[in-house]
Amino acid sequence: MGSAADPVAAADSLTGVLLDEMYPPALAKRLRDAGHNVVAVLDVEVGLALGASHQRLIFVSAQRFPRTSGGLARLADALNELLDAKQLPGQDGVIWLAPGR
């Protein structure tokens, strides 16, 4: 199996975070580089063929985290903080991500 920076290894484990197709692979890479198991649906190596059902969801507001370079940087920081603190929602859980969580 590959390293944390390898999107295929991250997808194979199915224990990490899968970013929706609206977010670029660069955001997932930034979080993998920080040591987190994160994959973007748009990672060429991953695609939509994972076939895994979700176990938990993290919703984000497009107003709080617009898909601009600044908004994506804030989203990366907020996700990094959430992942560092191991504050993912529980099984079948849902949370809304807020900046400065």
N, C-alpha and C. Protein backbone atom coordinates (compact mmCIF):
# COMPACT_ATOMS: atom_id res chain seq x y z
N MET A 1 0.85 -1.18 0.00
CA MET A 1 0.00 0.00 0.00
C MET A 1 0.89 1.24 0.00
N GLY A 2 0.45 2.36 -0.56
CA GLY A 2 1.25 3.56 -0.70
C GLY A 2 1.29 4.40 0.56
N SER A 3 1.83 5.59 0.41
CA SER A 3 1.95 6.52 1.53
C SER A 3 0.69 7.35 1.69
N ALA A 4 0.67 8.19 2.74
CA ALA A 4 -0.48 9.07 2.97
C ALA A 4 -0.66 10.05 1.83
N ALA A 5 0.42 10.35 1.09
CA ALA A 5 0.33 11.29 -0.03
C ALA A 5 -0.17 10.61 -1.30
N ASP A 6 -0.46 9.32 -1.26
CA ASP A 6 -0.90 8.55 -2.41
C ASP A 6 -2.43 8.44 -2.41
N PRO A 7 -3.13 9.07 -3.40
CA PRO A 7 -4.59 9.03 -3.39
C PRO A 7 -5.15 7.63 -3.55
N VAL A 8 -4.45 6.75 -4.25
CA VAL A 8 -4.94 5.38 -4.42
C VAL A 8 -4.91 4.65 -3.08
N ALA A 9 -3.83 4.81 -2.33
CA ALA A 9 -3.74 4.17 -1.01
C ALA A 9 -4.82 4.72 -0.09
N ALA A 10 -5.06 6.01 -0.15
CA ALA A 10 -6.09 6.62 0.69
C ALA A 10 -7.46 6.07 0.32
N ALA A 11 -7.72 5.91 -0.96
CA ALA A 11 -9.01 5.39 -1.40
C ALA A 11 -9.17 3.92 -1.02
N ASP A 12 -8.10 3.16 -1.11
CA ASP A 12 -8.17 1.74 -0.79
C ASP A 12 -8.54 1.49 0.66
N SER A 13 -8.11 2.37 1.55
CA SER A 13 -8.37 2.14 2.97
C SER A 13 -9.82 2.43 3.35
N LEU A 14 -10.49 3.31 2.61
CA LEU A 14 -11.89 3.66 2.84
C LEU A 14 -12.17 4.12 4.27
N THR A 15 -11.16 4.60 4.97
CA THR A 15 -11.37 5.09 6.33
C THR A 15 -11.16 6.59 6.40
N GLY A 16 -10.83 7.21 5.29
CA GLY A 16 -10.53 8.63 5.29
C GLY A 16 -11.70 9.46 4.82
N VAL A 17 -11.37 10.63 4.31
CA VAL A 17 -12.35 11.60 3.84
C VAL A 17 -12.33 11.61 2.32
N LEU A 18 -13.50 11.59 1.71
CA LEU A 18 -13.65 11.69 0.26
C LEU A 18 -14.29 13.04 -0.05
N LEU A 19 -13.55 13.91 -0.75
CA LEU A 19 -14.09 15.22 -1.11
C LEU A 19 -14.99 15.11 -2.33
N ASP A 20 -16.09 15.80 -2.31
CA ASP A 20 -17.05 15.81 -3.41
C ASP A 20 -16.40 16.36 -4.67
N GLU A 21 -17.04 16.11 -5.82
CA GLU A 21 -16.45 16.51 -7.10
C GLU A 21 -16.32 18.01 -7.27
N MET A 22 -16.96 18.80 -6.44
CA MET A 22 -16.84 20.26 -6.58
C MET A 22 -15.50 20.79 -6.04
N TYR A 23 -14.73 19.93 -5.35
CA TYR A 23 -13.46 20.36 -4.79
C TYR A 23 -12.30 19.76 -5.54
N PRO A 24 -11.25 20.56 -5.77
CA PRO A 24 -10.14 20.12 -6.60
C PRO A 24 -9.23 19.11 -5.89
N PRO A 25 -8.57 18.26 -6.66
CA PRO A 25 -7.61 17.32 -6.09
C PRO A 25 -6.50 18.03 -5.29
N ALA A 26 -6.19 19.27 -5.63
CA ALA A 26 -5.15 20.00 -4.89
C ALA A 26 -5.52 20.17 -3.42
N LEU A 27 -6.82 20.31 -3.12
CA LEU A 27 -7.25 20.43 -1.73
C LEU A 27 -7.00 19.12 -1.00
N ALA A 28 -7.34 18.00 -1.64
CA ALA A 28 -7.08 16.69 -1.02
C ALA A 28 -5.58 16.48 -0.84
N LYS A 29 -4.78 16.87 -1.83
CA LYS A 29 -3.33 16.70 -1.73
C LYS A 29 -2.77 17.52 -0.57
N ARG A 30 -3.26 18.74 -0.41
CA ARG A 30 -2.79 19.58 0.70
C ARG A 30 -3.06 18.90 2.05
N LEU A 31 -4.23 18.30 2.18
CA LEU A 31 -4.57 17.61 3.43
C LEU A 31 -3.79 16.30 3.58
N ARG A 32 -3.54 15.59 2.46
CA ARG A 32 -2.69 14.38 2.54
C ARG A 32 -1.28 14.76 2.94
N ASP A 33 -0.78 15.87 2.39
CA ASP A 33 0.56 16.34 2.74
C ASP A 33 0.67 16.68 4.22
N ALA A 34 -0.47 17.02 4.84
CA ALA A 34 -0.51 17.31 6.28
C ALA A 34 -0.68 16.02 7.09
N GLY A 35 -0.71 14.86 6.38
CA GLY A 35 -0.77 13.58 7.06
C GLY A 35 -2.15 12.97 7.20
N HIS A 36 -3.15 13.54 6.51
CA HIS A 36 -4.51 13.03 6.62
C HIS A 36 -4.87 12.13 5.44
N ASN A 37 -5.78 11.22 5.65
CA ASN A 37 -6.24 10.27 4.64
C ASN A 37 -7.42 10.92 3.91
N VAL A 38 -7.11 11.71 2.88
CA VAL A 38 -8.13 12.46 2.15
C VAL A 38 -7.95 12.23 0.66
N VAL A 39 -9.06 11.99 -0.03
CA VAL A 39 -9.05 11.75 -1.47
C VAL A 39 -10.13 12.63 -2.09
N ALA A 40 -9.85 13.19 -3.25
CA ALA A 40 -10.86 13.94 -4.01
C ALA A 40 -11.47 13.00 -5.04
N VAL A 41 -12.77 13.10 -5.24
CA VAL A 41 -13.44 12.30 -6.26
C VAL A 41 -12.77 12.54 -7.61
N LEU A 42 -12.28 13.75 -7.83
CA LEU A 42 -11.67 14.09 -9.11
C LEU A 42 -10.22 13.62 -9.26
N ASP A 43 -9.65 13.01 -8.24
CA ASP A 43 -8.32 12.41 -8.41
C ASP A 43 -8.45 11.38 -9.53
N VAL A 44 -7.65 11.53 -10.56
CA VAL A 44 -7.75 10.65 -11.73
C VAL A 44 -7.67 9.19 -11.32
N GLU A 45 -6.81 8.89 -10.35
CA GLU A 45 -6.60 7.51 -9.94
C GLU A 45 -7.80 6.94 -9.18
N VAL A 46 -8.66 7.81 -8.67
CA VAL A 46 -9.78 7.37 -7.83
C VAL A 46 -11.07 7.34 -8.63
N GLY A 47 -11.45 8.48 -9.18
CA GLY A 47 -12.68 8.58 -9.95
C GLY A 47 -13.91 8.28 -9.12
N LEU A 48 -15.04 8.11 -9.77
CA LEU A 48 -16.29 7.83 -9.07
C LEU A 48 -16.51 6.32 -8.90
N ALA A 49 -15.51 5.48 -9.19
CA ALA A 49 -15.70 4.02 -9.18
C ALA A 49 -15.43 3.40 -7.83
N LEU A 50 -15.33 4.17 -6.78
CA LEU A 50 -15.07 3.59 -5.47
C LEU A 50 -16.18 2.64 -5.05
N GLY A 51 -17.41 3.02 -5.30
CA GLY A 51 -18.54 2.16 -4.98
C GLY A 51 -18.81 2.01 -3.50
N ALA A 52 -18.18 2.80 -2.67
CA ALA A 52 -18.37 2.68 -1.22
C ALA A 52 -19.51 3.60 -0.78
N SER A 53 -20.33 3.12 0.11
CA SER A 53 -21.36 3.98 0.67
C SER A 53 -20.73 4.84 1.75
N HIS A 54 -21.30 6.01 1.98
CA HIS A 54 -20.73 6.89 2.99
C HIS A 54 -21.13 6.41 4.38
N GLN A 55 -20.30 6.74 5.34
CA GLN A 55 -20.60 6.41 6.72
C GLN A 55 -20.81 7.66 7.55
N ARG A 56 -20.32 8.78 7.07
CA ARG A 56 -20.48 10.06 7.77
C ARG A 56 -20.31 11.17 6.74
N LEU A 57 -20.94 12.31 7.01
CA LEU A 57 -20.88 13.44 6.08
C LEU A 57 -20.45 14.70 6.80
N ILE A 58 -19.66 15.51 6.11
CA ILE A 58 -19.29 16.83 6.58
C ILE A 58 -19.76 17.81 5.51
N PHE A 59 -20.75 18.62 5.85
CA PHE A 59 -21.27 19.61 4.93
C PHE A 59 -20.52 20.92 5.12
N VAL A 60 -20.35 21.64 4.02
CA VAL A 60 -19.73 22.96 4.09
C VAL A 60 -20.61 23.95 3.34
N SER A 61 -20.60 25.18 3.79
CA SER A 61 -21.36 26.25 3.16
C SER A 61 -20.52 26.91 2.09
N ALA A 62 -21.11 27.06 0.90
CA ALA A 62 -20.41 27.74 -0.19
C ALA A 62 -20.21 29.22 0.13
N GLN A 63 -21.01 29.78 1.03
CA GLN A 63 -20.82 31.17 1.43
C GLN A 63 -19.63 31.31 2.37
N ARG A 64 -19.48 30.36 3.29
CA ARG A 64 -18.35 30.40 4.22
C ARG A 64 -17.05 29.97 3.55
N PHE A 65 -17.16 29.01 2.64
CA PHE A 65 -15.99 28.46 1.97
C PHE A 65 -16.20 28.49 0.46
N PRO A 66 -16.15 29.69 -0.15
CA PRO A 66 -16.33 29.76 -1.60
C PRO A 66 -15.19 29.03 -2.31
N ARG A 67 -15.45 28.59 -3.54
CA ARG A 67 -14.42 27.87 -4.29
C ARG A 67 -13.47 28.83 -4.99
N THR A 68 -12.94 29.74 -4.20
CA THR A 68 -11.88 30.64 -4.63
C THR A 68 -10.60 30.17 -3.97
N SER A 69 -9.47 30.72 -4.36
CA SER A 69 -8.22 30.27 -3.73
C SER A 69 -8.24 30.55 -2.23
N GLY A 70 -8.76 31.69 -1.82
CA GLY A 70 -8.85 32.01 -0.40
C GLY A 70 -9.84 31.13 0.33
N GLY A 71 -10.99 30.86 -0.29
CA GLY A 71 -12.01 30.01 0.32
C GLY A 71 -11.53 28.58 0.46
N LEU A 72 -10.82 28.08 -0.55
CA LEU A 72 -10.29 26.72 -0.48
C LEU A 72 -9.19 26.61 0.57
N ALA A 73 -8.40 27.67 0.72
CA ALA A 73 -7.37 27.67 1.76
C ALA A 73 -8.02 27.64 3.15
N ARG A 74 -9.10 28.42 3.34
CA ARG A 74 -9.83 28.39 4.62
C ARG A 74 -10.46 27.02 4.87
N LEU A 75 -10.99 26.41 3.79
CA LEU A 75 -11.58 25.08 3.92
C LEU A 75 -10.50 24.06 4.30
N ALA A 76 -9.34 24.14 3.65
CA ALA A 76 -8.24 23.23 3.99
C ALA A 76 -7.85 23.39 5.45
N ASP A 77 -7.75 24.63 5.91
CA ASP A 77 -7.38 24.88 7.31
C ASP A 77 -8.43 24.32 8.27
N ALA A 78 -9.71 24.54 7.95
CA ALA A 78 -10.79 24.05 8.82
C ALA A 78 -10.85 22.52 8.84
N LEU A 79 -10.68 21.90 7.67
CA LEU A 79 -10.67 20.43 7.61
C LEU A 79 -9.45 19.86 8.32
N ASN A 80 -8.30 20.51 8.13
CA ASN A 80 -7.08 20.07 8.80
C ASN A 80 -7.26 20.11 10.32
N GLU A 81 -7.85 21.19 10.82
CA GLU A 81 -8.09 21.32 12.26
C GLU A 81 -9.06 20.23 12.74
N LEU A 82 -10.11 19.98 11.98
CA LEU A 82 -11.09 18.96 12.33
C LEU A 82 -10.44 17.57 12.35
N LEU A 83 -9.63 17.29 11.34
CA LEU A 83 -8.98 15.98 11.26
C LEU A 83 -7.91 15.81 12.34
N ASP A 84 -7.15 16.88 12.60
CA ASP A 84 -6.14 16.82 13.67
C ASP A 84 -6.79 16.51 15.02
N ALA A 85 -7.96 17.12 15.25
CA ALA A 85 -8.67 16.94 16.52
C ALA A 85 -9.49 15.65 16.54
N LYS A 86 -9.48 14.93 15.41
CA LYS A 86 -10.26 13.68 15.29
C LYS A 86 -11.72 13.90 15.68
N GLN A 87 -12.29 14.99 15.13
CA GLN A 87 -13.67 15.36 15.43
C GLN A 87 -14.63 15.03 14.29
N LEU A 88 -14.37 13.93 13.59
CA LEU A 88 -15.27 13.52 12.53
C LEU A 88 -16.60 13.08 13.13
N PRO A 89 -17.68 13.21 12.36
CA PRO A 89 -18.96 12.76 12.89
C PRO A 89 -18.94 11.25 13.12
N GLY A 90 -19.81 10.78 13.99
CA GLY A 90 -19.90 9.36 14.27
C GLY A 90 -20.53 8.60 13.11
N GLN A 91 -20.67 7.30 13.27
CA GLN A 91 -21.28 6.44 12.26
C GLN A 91 -22.62 7.00 11.82
N ASP A 92 -22.81 7.15 10.51
CA ASP A 92 -24.03 7.72 9.91
C ASP A 92 -24.29 9.14 10.37
N GLY A 93 -23.28 9.82 10.93
CA GLY A 93 -23.43 11.17 11.43
C GLY A 93 -23.23 12.23 10.37
N VAL A 94 -23.69 13.41 10.69
CA VAL A 94 -23.59 14.57 9.80
C VAL A 94 -23.22 15.78 10.65
N ILE A 95 -22.27 16.57 10.17
CA ILE A 95 -21.94 17.84 10.81
C ILE A 95 -21.79 18.91 9.74
N TRP A 96 -21.96 20.14 10.16
CA TRP A 96 -21.67 21.31 9.31
C TRP A 96 -20.34 21.86 9.76
N LEU A 97 -19.44 22.07 8.83
CA LEU A 97 -18.12 22.60 9.13
C LEU A 97 -18.17 24.11 9.18
N ALA A 98 -17.61 24.67 10.22
CA ALA A 98 -17.55 26.12 10.38
C ALA A 98 -16.08 26.54 10.44
N PRO A 99 -15.76 27.73 9.92
CA PRO A 99 -14.37 28.19 10.03
C PRO A 99 -13.97 28.34 11.49
N GLY A 100 -12.71 28.08 11.78
CA GLY A 100 -12.21 28.26 13.14
C GLY A 100 -12.86 27.34 14.13
N ARG A 101 -13.22 26.14 13.69
CA ARG A 101 -13.85 25.13 14.53
C ARG A 101 -13.06 24.84 15.75
